[in-house]
């Protein structure tokens, strides 16, 4: 029996949400749906009821869930054992990171490591911040590079590499660009071009706006920084982003102004803590 289908069942039994399970498994909603339907067909039972757009476990789904969890756990142990052997034998290193890593020192560290250790097969991929620790927990990566807005006790090994803070990104021609710093209140009435909810920056920006009593006039939300910068350079609005995450080399008409009060973020490497 396909372990991936059982893993999809176990995860969906936790989230009761196809979209969330797809995100957690680095898959698509359609794939998860097919896996569940295929598993139900193979077992000859219905595992979930889907009434009124609500997902719930059936009685038989509840009954087999403990066994399914044990199967997934054993499969993960097997995968971990094989992975450890392969890493020892083949010297592989898988790193997952936030998309903007190229603007931080960490990117140079990875490049320097790759140049110094050609014997290590490096596998590098990007993902949004919220999925990175899941990738680490699932054994899909050895190291992740992510952004934190607070430093708290963690079960992971972590190395804080850099700090960053929010800045207002706007055309140099804007009167606001001449100020030494800006507050959210100063931006009231402006058109906002923001990175959307799938990134780790949208909610902090909205929190800062609401704390200042400002309801942003959002005319665009997306994931592409280059598209937002192109819109700003054409006078379509302004944005709030992390100061060091931007490369303005090709955008001579754009500048940044620090946002007050400052909200610091920490850029850090995370890895599973080694047993002592």
C-alpha atoms as a PDB file:
ATOM      1  CA  UNK A   1       0.000   0.000   0.000  1.00  0.00           C
ATOM      2  CA  UNK A   2       1.298   3.467  -0.935  1.00  0.00           C
ATOM      3  CA  UNK A   3       2.633   5.147   2.205  1.00  0.00           C
ATOM      4  CA  UNK A   4       2.102   8.598   0.690  1.00  0.00           C
ATOM      5  CA  UNK A   5      -1.640   7.938   0.544  1.00  0.00           C
ATOM      6  CA  UNK A   6      -1.656   6.887   4.183  1.00  0.00           C
ATOM      7  CA  UNK A   7       0.409   9.961   5.090  1.00  0.00           C
ATOM      8  CA  UNK A   8      -2.151  12.144   3.285  1.00  0.00           C
ATOM      9  CA  UNK A   9      -4.939  10.423   5.257  1.00  0.00           C
ATOM     10  CA  UNK A  10      -3.182  10.959   8.601  1.00  0.00           C
ATOM     11  CA  UNK A  11      -2.437  14.614   7.863  1.00  0.00           C
ATOM     12  CA  UNK A  12      -5.949  15.340   6.595  1.00  0.00           C
ATOM     13  CA  UNK A  13      -7.335  13.692   9.721  1.00  0.00           C
ATOM     14  CA  UNK A  14      -5.395  16.357  11.651  1.00  0.00           C
ATOM     15  CA  UNK A  15      -6.155  19.439   9.542  1.00  0.00           C
ATOM     16  CA  UNK A  16      -9.577  18.477   8.135  1.00  0.00           C
ATOM     17  CA  UNK A  17      -8.614  20.886   5.358  1.00  0.00           C
ATOM     18  CA  UNK A  18      -7.380  19.771   1.927  1.00  0.00           C
ATOM     19  CA  UNK A  19      -5.570  23.047   1.245  1.00  0.00           C
ATOM     20  CA  UNK A  20      -3.655  22.997   4.529  1.00  0.00           C
ATOM     21  CA  UNK A  21      -2.691  19.341   4.089  1.00  0.00           C
ATOM     22  CA  UNK A  22      -1.461  20.054   0.558  1.00  0.00           C
ATOM     23  CA  UNK A  23       0.720  22.879   1.882  1.00  0.00           C
ATOM     24  CA  UNK A  24       2.084  20.758   4.734  1.00  0.00           C
ATOM     25  CA  UNK A  25       2.937  17.891   2.377  1.00  0.00           C
ATOM     26  CA  UNK A  26       4.375  20.184  -0.340  1.00  0.00           C
ATOM     27  CA  UNK A  27       1.709  18.881  -2.697  1.00  0.00           C
ATOM     28  CA  UNK A  28      -1.438  20.155  -4.409  1.00  0.00           C
ATOM     29  CA  UNK A  29      -5.045  19.983  -3.255  1.00  0.00           C
ATOM     30  CA  UNK A  30      -5.921  17.901  -6.319  1.00  0.00           C
ATOM     31  CA  UNK A  31      -3.173  15.389  -5.564  1.00  0.00           C
ATOM     32  CA  UNK A  32      -4.264  15.019  -1.937  1.00  0.00           C
ATOM     33  CA  UNK A  33      -7.864  14.501  -3.044  1.00  0.00           C
ATOM     34  CA  UNK A  34      -6.795  11.783  -5.507  1.00  0.00           C
ATOM     35  CA  UNK A  35      -4.676  10.073  -2.840  1.00  0.00           C
ATOM     36  CA  UNK A  36      -7.602   9.971  -0.393  1.00  0.00           C
ATOM     37  CA  UNK A  37     -10.046   8.695  -3.026  1.00  0.00           C
ATOM     38  CA  UNK A  38      -7.546   6.044  -4.140  1.00  0.00           C
ATOM     39  CA  UNK A  39      -6.995   4.903  -0.544  1.00  0.00           C
ATOM     40  CA  UNK A  40     -10.736   4.729   0.083  1.00  0.00           C
ATOM     41  CA  UNK A  41     -11.163   2.660  -3.080  1.00  0.00           C
ATOM     42  CA  UNK A  42      -8.337   0.288  -2.077  1.00  0.00           C
ATOM     43  CA  UNK A  43      -9.822  -0.189   1.417  1.00  0.00           C
ATOM     44  CA  UNK A  44     -13.422  -0.301   0.256  1.00  0.00           C
ATOM     45  CA  UNK A  45     -14.555   2.249   2.848  1.00  0.00           C
ATOM     46  CA  UNK A  46     -15.223   5.961   3.175  1.00  0.00           C
ATOM     47  CA  UNK A  47     -12.660   7.627   5.418  1.00  0.00           C
ATOM     48  CA  UNK A  48     -14.076  11.162   5.339  1.00  0.00           C
ATOM     49  CA  UNK A  49     -17.522  12.682   5.034  1.00  0.00           C
ATOM     50  CA  UNK A  50     -17.727  15.824   2.945  1.00  0.00           C
ATOM     51  CA  UNK A  51     -21.048  17.471   3.767  1.00  0.00           C
ATOM     52  CA  UNK A  52     -21.675  21.202   3.368  1.00  0.00           C
ATOM     53  CA  UNK A  53     -18.006  21.783   2.502  1.00  0.00           C
ATOM     54  CA  UNK A  54     -17.029  20.428   5.924  1.00  0.00           C
ATOM     55  CA  UNK A  55     -14.526  17.567   6.127  1.00  0.00           C
ATOM     56  CA  UNK A  56     -14.887  15.072   8.968  1.00  0.00           C
ATOM     57  CA  UNK A  57     -13.611  11.598   9.754  1.00  0.00           C
ATOM     58  CA  UNK A  58     -16.089   8.760   9.415  1.00  0.00           C
ATOM     59  CA  UNK A  59     -16.358   6.119  12.134  1.00  0.00           C
ATOM     60  CA  UNK A  60     -14.144   3.732  10.205  1.00  0.00           C
ATOM     61  CA  UNK A  61     -11.699   6.570   9.578  1.00  0.00           C
ATOM     62  CA  UNK A  62     -11.462   7.167  13.317  1.00  0.00           C
ATOM     63  CA  UNK A  63     -11.045   3.439  13.923  1.00  0.00           C
ATOM     64  CA  UNK A  64      -8.096   2.959  11.551  1.00  0.00           C
ATOM     65  CA  UNK A  65      -6.347   6.264  12.313  1.00  0.00           C
ATOM     66  CA  UNK A  66      -4.085   4.880  15.111  1.00  0.00           C
ATOM     67  CA  UNK A  67      -2.858   2.070  12.846  1.00  0.00           C
ATOM     68  CA  UNK A  68      -2.319   4.524  10.008  1.00  0.00           C
ATOM     69  CA  UNK A  69      -0.269   6.764  12.271  1.00  0.00           C
ATOM     70  CA  UNK A  70       1.909   3.797  13.276  1.00  0.00           C
ATOM     71  CA  UNK A  71       2.471   2.898   9.620  1.00  0.00           C
ATOM     72  CA  UNK A  72       3.490   6.482   8.795  1.00  0.00           C
ATOM     73  CA  UNK A  73       5.776   6.606  11.829  1.00  0.00           C
ATOM     74  CA  UNK A  74       7.509   3.368  10.855  1.00  0.00           C
ATOM     75  CA  UNK A  75       7.852   4.561   7.264  1.00  0.00           C
ATOM     76  CA  UNK A  76       9.404   7.818   8.479  1.00  0.00           C
ATOM     77  CA  UNK A  77      11.853   5.868  10.656  1.00  0.00           C
ATOM     78  CA  UNK A  78      12.787   3.723   7.677  1.00  0.00           C
ATOM     79  CA  UNK A  79      13.220   6.803   5.487  1.00  0.00           C
ATOM     80  CA  UNK A  80      15.327   8.492   8.172  1.00  0.00           C
ATOM     81  CA  UNK A  81      17.587   5.453   8.484  1.00  0.00           C
ATOM     82  CA  UNK A  82      18.067   5.266   4.730  1.00  0.00           C
ATOM     83  CA  UNK A  83      18.619   9.023   4.558  1.00  0.00           C
ATOM     84  CA  UNK A  84      21.272   8.918   7.278  1.00  0.00           C
ATOM     85  CA  UNK A  85      23.039   6.099   5.480  1.00  0.00           C
ATOM     86  CA  UNK A  86      22.908   7.914   2.152  1.00  0.00           C
ATOM     87  CA  UNK A  87      24.156  11.144   3.678  1.00  0.00           C
ATOM     88  CA  UNK A  88      27.084   9.299   5.220  1.00  0.00           C
ATOM     89  CA  UNK A  89      27.841   7.422   2.025  1.00  0.00           C
ATOM     90  CA  UNK A  90      27.009  10.084  -0.551  1.00  0.00           C
ATOM     91  CA  UNK A  91      27.549  13.288   1.461  1.00  0.00           C
ATOM     92  CA  UNK A  92      24.380  15.109   0.460  1.00  0.00           C
ATOM     93  CA  UNK A  93      23.075  18.354   1.956  1.00  0.00           C
ATOM     94  CA  UNK A  94      19.563  19.660   1.320  1.00  0.00           C
ATOM     95  CA  UNK A  95      18.858  23.291   2.185  1.00  0.00           C
ATOM     96  CA  UNK A  96      15.440  24.959   1.926  1.00  0.00           C
ATOM     97  CA  UNK A  97      15.179  28.716   2.279  1.00  0.00           C
ATOM     98  CA  UNK A  98      12.975  31.783   2.035  1.00  0.00           C
ATOM     99  CA  UNK A  99      12.984  33.193  -1.548  1.00  0.00           C
ATOM    100  CA  UNK A 100      14.841  36.394  -0.602  1.00  0.00           C
ATOM    101  CA  UNK A 101      17.962  34.608   0.725  1.00  0.00           C
ATOM    102  CA  UNK A 102      20.088  35.952  -2.140  1.00  0.00           C
ATOM    103  CA  UNK A 103      19.964  39.406  -0.510  1.00  0.00           C
ATOM    104  CA  UNK A 104      21.476  38.165   2.757  1.00  0.00           C
ATOM    105  CA  UNK A 105      24.940  37.045   3.884  1.00  0.00           C
ATOM    106  CA  UNK A 106      23.652  33.500   4.298  1.00  0.00           C
ATOM    107  CA  UNK A 107      23.585  33.092   0.513  1.00  0.00           C
ATOM    108  CA  UNK A 108      27.306  33.868   0.330  1.00  0.00           C
ATOM    109  CA  UNK A 109      27.986  31.377   3.120  1.00  0.00           C
ATOM    110  CA  UNK A 110      26.190  28.617   1.212  1.00  0.00           C
ATOM    111  CA  UNK A 111      28.042  29.489  -1.989  1.00  0.00           C
ATOM    112  CA  UNK A 112      31.386  29.490  -0.143  1.00  0.00           C
ATOM    113  CA  UNK A 113      30.608  26.109   1.427  1.00  0.00           C
ATOM    114  CA  UNK A 114      29.680  24.678  -1.975  1.00  0.00           C
ATOM    115  CA  UNK A 115      32.959  25.921  -3.461  1.00  0.00           C
ATOM    116  CA  UNK A 116      35.026  24.582  -0.556  1.00  0.00           C
ATOM    117  CA  UNK A 117      33.325  21.163  -0.450  1.00  0.00           C
ATOM    118  CA  UNK A 118      32.663  19.912  -3.992  1.00  0.00           C
ATOM    119  CA  UNK A 119      32.425  16.392  -2.573  1.00  0.00           C
ATOM    120  CA  UNK A 120      29.080  17.314  -0.962  1.00  0.00           C
ATOM    121  CA  UNK A 121      26.065  17.099  -3.268  1.00  0.00           C
ATOM    122  CA  UNK A 122      24.141  20.287  -2.480  1.00  0.00           C
ATOM    123  CA  UNK A 123      20.390  20.418  -3.109  1.00  0.00           C
ATOM    124  CA  UNK A 124      18.849  23.877  -2.702  1.00  0.00           C
ATOM    125  CA  UNK A 125      15.195  24.944  -2.951  1.00  0.00           C
ATOM    126  CA  UNK A 126      13.030  27.836  -1.820  1.00  0.00           C
ATOM    127  CA  UNK A 127       9.751  27.802   0.076  1.00  0.00           C
ATOM    128  CA  UNK A 128       7.646  30.233   2.049  1.00  0.00           C
ATOM    129  CA  UNK A 129       8.598  30.748   5.679  1.00  0.00           C
ATOM    130  CA  UNK A 130       5.595  28.865   7.120  1.00  0.00           C
ATOM    131  CA  UNK A 131       6.542  25.631   5.307  1.00  0.00           C
ATOM    132  CA  UNK A 132      10.232  25.523   6.177  1.00  0.00           C
ATOM    133  CA  UNK A 133      10.110  23.971   9.658  1.00  0.00           C
ATOM    134  CA  UNK A 134       7.632  21.406   8.338  1.00  0.00           C
ATOM    135  CA  UNK A 135      10.192  20.543   5.675  1.00  0.00           C
ATOM    136  CA  UNK A 136      12.788  20.088   8.409  1.00  0.00           C
ATOM    137  CA  UNK A 137      10.483  17.977  10.587  1.00  0.00           C
ATOM    138  CA  UNK A 138       9.508  15.756   7.652  1.00  0.00           C
ATOM    139  CA  UNK A 139      13.132  15.089   6.776  1.00  0.00           C
ATOM    140  CA  UNK A 140      12.759  16.831   3.418  1.00  0.00           C
ATOM    141  CA  UNK A 141      15.634  19.150   4.287  1.00  0.00           C
ATOM    142  CA  UNK A 142      18.746  19.040   6.456  1.00  0.00           C
ATOM    143  CA  UNK A 143      18.951  22.787   7.052  1.00  0.00           C
ATOM    144  CA  UNK A 144      16.477  25.625   6.554  1.00  0.00           C
ATOM    145  CA  UNK A 145      17.013  29.367   6.407  1.00  0.00           C
ATOM    146  CA  UNK A 146      14.050  31.407   7.607  1.00  0.00           C
ATOM    147  CA  UNK A 147      12.885  34.680   9.091  1.00  0.00           C
ATOM    148  CA  UNK A 148      11.808  35.126  12.721  1.00  0.00           C
ATOM    149  CA  UNK A 149      10.146  38.081  14.374  1.00  0.00           C
ATOM    150  CA  UNK A 150      11.064  36.944  17.877  1.00  0.00           C
ATOM    151  CA  UNK A 151      13.772  34.776  19.392  1.00  0.00           C
ATOM    152  CA  UNK A 152      12.278  32.062  21.565  1.00  0.00           C
ATOM    153  CA  UNK A 153      13.385  28.742  22.986  1.00  0.00           C
ATOM    154  CA  UNK A 154      13.387  26.161  20.222  1.00  0.00           C
ATOM    155  CA  UNK A 155      13.908  22.393  19.887  1.00  0.00           C
ATOM    156  CA  UNK A 156      16.128  23.070  16.865  1.00  0.00           C
ATOM    157  CA  UNK A 157      19.754  23.998  16.518  1.00  0.00           C
ATOM    158  CA  UNK A 158      19.736  27.605  15.327  1.00  0.00           C
ATOM    159  CA  UNK A 159      22.243  30.166  14.157  1.00  0.00           C
ATOM    160  CA  UNK A 160      21.051  33.763  13.847  1.00  0.00           C
ATOM    161  CA  UNK A 161      22.943  35.168  10.898  1.00  0.00           C
ATOM    162  CA  UNK A 162      21.537  38.662  10.392  1.00  0.00           C
ATOM    163  CA  UNK A 163      18.858  41.191  11.344  1.00  0.00           C
ATOM    164  CA  UNK A 164      16.574  43.244   9.144  1.00  0.00           C
ATOM    165  CA  UNK A 165      13.793  45.810   9.591  1.00  0.00           C
ATOM    166  CA  UNK A 166      10.826  47.186   7.680  1.00  0.00           C
ATOM    167  CA  UNK A 167      11.183  50.070   5.248  1.00  0.00           C
ATOM    168  CA  UNK A 168       8.765  51.949   3.028  1.00  0.00           C
ATOM    169  CA  UNK A 169       9.539  51.349  -0.669  1.00  0.00           C
ATOM    170  CA  UNK A 170       8.409  54.255  -2.840  1.00  0.00           C
ATOM    171  CA  UNK A 171       9.280  56.390  -5.870  1.00  0.00           C
ATOM    172  CA  UNK A 172      12.056  58.930  -5.366  1.00  0.00           C
ATOM    173  CA  UNK A 173       9.664  61.514  -6.814  1.00  0.00           C
ATOM    174  CA  UNK A 174       7.247  61.092  -3.889  1.00  0.00           C
ATOM    175  CA  UNK A 175       7.326  63.919  -1.290  1.00  0.00           C
ATOM    176  CA  UNK A 176       7.447  61.178   1.374  1.00  0.00           C
ATOM    177  CA  UNK A 177      10.803  60.005  -0.004  1.00  0.00           C
ATOM    178  CA  UNK A 178      12.492  63.121   1.356  1.00  0.00           C
ATOM    179  CA  UNK A 179      11.762  62.288   4.995  1.00  0.00           C
ATOM    180  CA  UNK A 180      14.339  60.572   7.254  1.00  0.00           C
ATOM    181  CA  UNK A 181      11.703  58.081   8.446  1.00  0.00           C
ATOM    182  CA  UNK A 182       8.000  57.363   8.053  1.00  0.00           C
ATOM    183  CA  UNK A 183       5.200  56.015  10.204  1.00  0.00           C
ATOM    184  CA  UNK A 184       2.122  54.095   9.135  1.00  0.00           C
ATOM    185  CA  UNK A 185       0.076  57.215   9.904  1.00  0.00           C
ATOM    186  CA  UNK A 186       2.144  59.073   7.270  1.00  0.00           C
ATOM    187  CA  UNK A 187       1.038  56.471   4.705  1.00  0.00           C
ATOM    188  CA  UNK A 188      -2.690  56.874   5.303  1.00  0.00           C
ATOM    189  CA  UNK A 189      -4.447  57.348   1.969  1.00  0.00           C
ATOM    190  CA  UNK A 190      -1.572  55.919  -0.083  1.00  0.00           C
ATOM    191  CA  UNK A 191      -2.007  52.950  -2.445  1.00  0.00           C
ATOM    192  CA  UNK A 192      -0.347  49.836  -1.025  1.00  0.00           C
ATOM    193  CA  UNK A 193       1.320  47.104  -3.103  1.00  0.00           C
ATOM    194  CA  UNK A 194       1.996  44.216  -0.730  1.00  0.00           C
ATOM    195  CA  UNK A 195       3.437  40.744  -0.583  1.00  0.00           C
ATOM    196  CA  UNK A 196       0.434  38.540   0.118  1.00  0.00           C
ATOM    197  CA  UNK A 197      -0.693  36.225   2.921  1.00  0.00           C
ATOM    198  CA  UNK A 198       1.435  33.300   1.736  1.00  0.00           C
ATOM    199  CA  UNK A 199       4.543  35.226   2.793  1.00  0.00           C
ATOM    200  CA  UNK A 200       5.659  35.926   6.353  1.00  0.00           C
ATOM    201  CA  UNK A 201       5.535  39.710   5.837  1.00  0.00           C
ATOM    202  CA  UNK A 202       1.884  40.454   5.112  1.00  0.00           C
ATOM    203  CA  UNK A 203       0.503  40.036   8.627  1.00  0.00           C
ATOM    204  CA  UNK A 204       3.220  42.082  10.408  1.00  0.00           C
ATOM    205  CA  UNK A 205       2.597  44.927   7.952  1.00  0.00           C
ATOM    206  CA  UNK A 206      -1.141  44.754   8.573  1.00  0.00           C
ATOM    207  CA  UNK A 207      -0.584  44.599  12.343  1.00  0.00           C
ATOM    208  CA  UNK A 208       1.564  47.743  12.176  1.00  0.00           C
ATOM    209  CA  UNK A 209      -1.096  49.531  10.126  1.00  0.00           C
ATOM    210  CA  UNK A 210      -3.920  48.578  12.466  1.00  0.00           C
ATOM    211  CA  UNK A 211      -1.850  49.584  15.518  1.00  0.00           C
ATOM    212  CA  UNK A 212      -1.533  53.039  13.945  1.00  0.00           C
ATOM    213  CA  UNK A 213      -5.257  53.180  13.198  1.00  0.00           C
ATOM    214  CA  UNK A 214      -4.649  52.955   9.447  1.00  0.00           C
ATOM    215  CA  UNK A 215      -6.676  50.837   7.041  1.00  0.00           C
ATOM    216  CA  UNK A 216      -4.362  50.347   4.045  1.00  0.00           C
ATOM    217  CA  UNK A 217      -5.769  50.946   0.574  1.00  0.00           C
ATOM    218  CA  UNK A 218      -4.385  47.724  -0.912  1.00  0.00           C
ATOM    219  CA  UNK A 219      -4.547  47.721  -4.714  1.00  0.00           C
ATOM    220  CA  UNK A 220      -2.277  44.699  -5.234  1.00  0.00           C
ATOM    221  CA  UNK A 221      -1.204  41.599  -3.312  1.00  0.00           C
ATOM    222  CA  UNK A 222       1.204  39.010  -4.734  1.00  0.00           C
ATOM    223  CA  UNK A 223       4.375  36.994  -4.249  1.00  0.00           C
ATOM    224  CA  UNK A 224       6.693  38.585  -6.807  1.00  0.00           C
ATOM    225  CA  UNK A 225       8.891  41.352  -5.426  1.00  0.00           C
ATOM    226  CA  UNK A 226      10.076  42.284  -8.923  1.00  0.00           C
ATOM    227  CA  UNK A 227       6.492  42.890 -10.071  1.00  0.00           C
ATOM    228  CA  UNK A 228       5.796  45.106  -7.064  1.00  0.00           C
ATOM    229  CA  UNK A 229       8.988  47.087  -7.694  1.00  0.00           C
ATOM    230  CA  UNK A 230       7.961  47.529 -11.329  1.00  0.00           C
ATOM    231  CA  UNK A 231       4.592  48.890 -10.229  1.00  0.00           C
ATOM    232  CA  UNK A 232       6.223  51.270  -7.738  1.00  0.00           C
ATOM    233  CA  UNK A 233       8.626  52.562 -10.390  1.00  0.00           C
ATOM    234  CA  UNK A 234       5.574  53.423 -12.529  1.00  0.00           C
ATOM    235  CA  UNK A 235       3.993  55.431  -9.730  1.00  0.00           C
ATOM    236  CA  UNK A 236       1.225  52.964  -8.936  1.00  0.00           C
ATOM    237  CA  UNK A 237       1.787  53.022  -5.181  1.00  0.00           C
ATOM    238  CA  UNK A 238       4.207  52.093  -2.420  1.00  0.00           C
ATOM    239  CA  UNK A 239       5.077  49.020  -0.410  1.00  0.00           C
ATOM    240  CA  UNK A 240       6.419  48.009   2.985  1.00  0.00           C
ATOM    241  CA  UNK A 241       9.125  45.351   2.876  1.00  0.00           C
ATOM    242  CA  UNK A 242      12.246  44.258   4.674  1.00  0.00           C
ATOM    243  CA  UNK A 243      15.049  46.747   3.978  1.00  0.00           C
ATOM    244  CA  UNK A 244      17.735  44.234   3.010  1.00  0.00           C
ATOM    245  CA  UNK A 245      15.504  41.873   1.030  1.00  0.00           C
ATOM    246  CA  UNK A 246      15.459  44.251  -1.930  1.00  0.00           C
ATOM    247  CA  UNK A 247      17.774  44.600  -4.904  1.00  0.00           C
ATOM    248  CA  UNK A 248      17.141  48.045  -6.387  1.00  0.00           C
ATOM    249  CA  UNK A 249      19.992  47.888  -8.910  1.00  0.00           C
ATOM    250  CA  UNK A 250      17.580  47.922 -11.851  1.00  0.00           C
ATOM    251  CA  UNK A 251      15.146  50.353 -10.214  1.00  0.00           C
ATOM    252  CA  UNK A 252      16.903  53.716 -10.144  1.00  0.00           C
ATOM    253  CA  UNK A 253      13.615  55.585  -9.619  1.00  0.00           C
ATOM    254  CA  UNK A 254      12.889  53.790  -6.319  1.00  0.00           C
ATOM    255  CA  UNK A 255      14.197  54.418  -2.816  1.00  0.00           C
ATOM    256  CA  UNK A 256      13.505  53.199   0.710  1.00  0.00           C
ATOM    257  CA  UNK A 257      12.753  55.092   3.926  1.00  0.00           C
ATOM    258  CA  UNK A 258      12.912  53.421   7.388  1.00  0.00           C
ATOM    259  CA  UNK A 259       9.536  52.663   8.938  1.00  0.00           C
ATOM    260  CA  UNK A 260       9.053  53.743  12.551  1.00  0.00           C
ATOM    261  CA  UNK A 261       8.623  52.270  15.054  1.00  0.00           C
ATOM    262  CA  UNK A 262      11.095  49.675  13.874  1.00  0.00           C
ATOM    263  CA  UNK A 263      10.106  46.007  13.771  1.00  0.00           C
ATOM    264  CA  UNK A 264      13.192  43.800  13.724  1.00  0.00           C
ATOM    265  CA  UNK A 265      13.320  40.388  12.079  1.00  0.00           C
ATOM    266  CA  UNK A 266      16.044  37.781  12.514  1.00  0.00           C
ATOM    267  CA  UNK A 267      17.427  35.668   9.672  1.00  0.00           C
ATOM    268  CA  UNK A 268      18.575  32.274  10.931  1.00  0.00           C
ATOM    269  CA  UNK A 269      19.679  28.798   9.946  1.00  0.00           C
ATOM    270  CA  UNK A 270      17.762  25.954  11.622  1.00  0.00           C
ATOM    271  CA  UNK A 271      18.608  22.260  11.831  1.00  0.00           C
ATOM    272  CA  UNK A 272      17.312  19.326  13.847  1.00  0.00           C
ATOM    273  CA  UNK A 273      19.157  19.232  17.159  1.00  0.00           C
ATOM    274  CA  UNK A 274      21.598  16.346  17.474  1.00  0.00           C
ATOM    275  CA  UNK A 275      20.919  13.959  20.350  1.00  0.00           C
ATOM    276  CA  UNK A 276      23.444  14.426  23.135  1.00  0.00           C
END
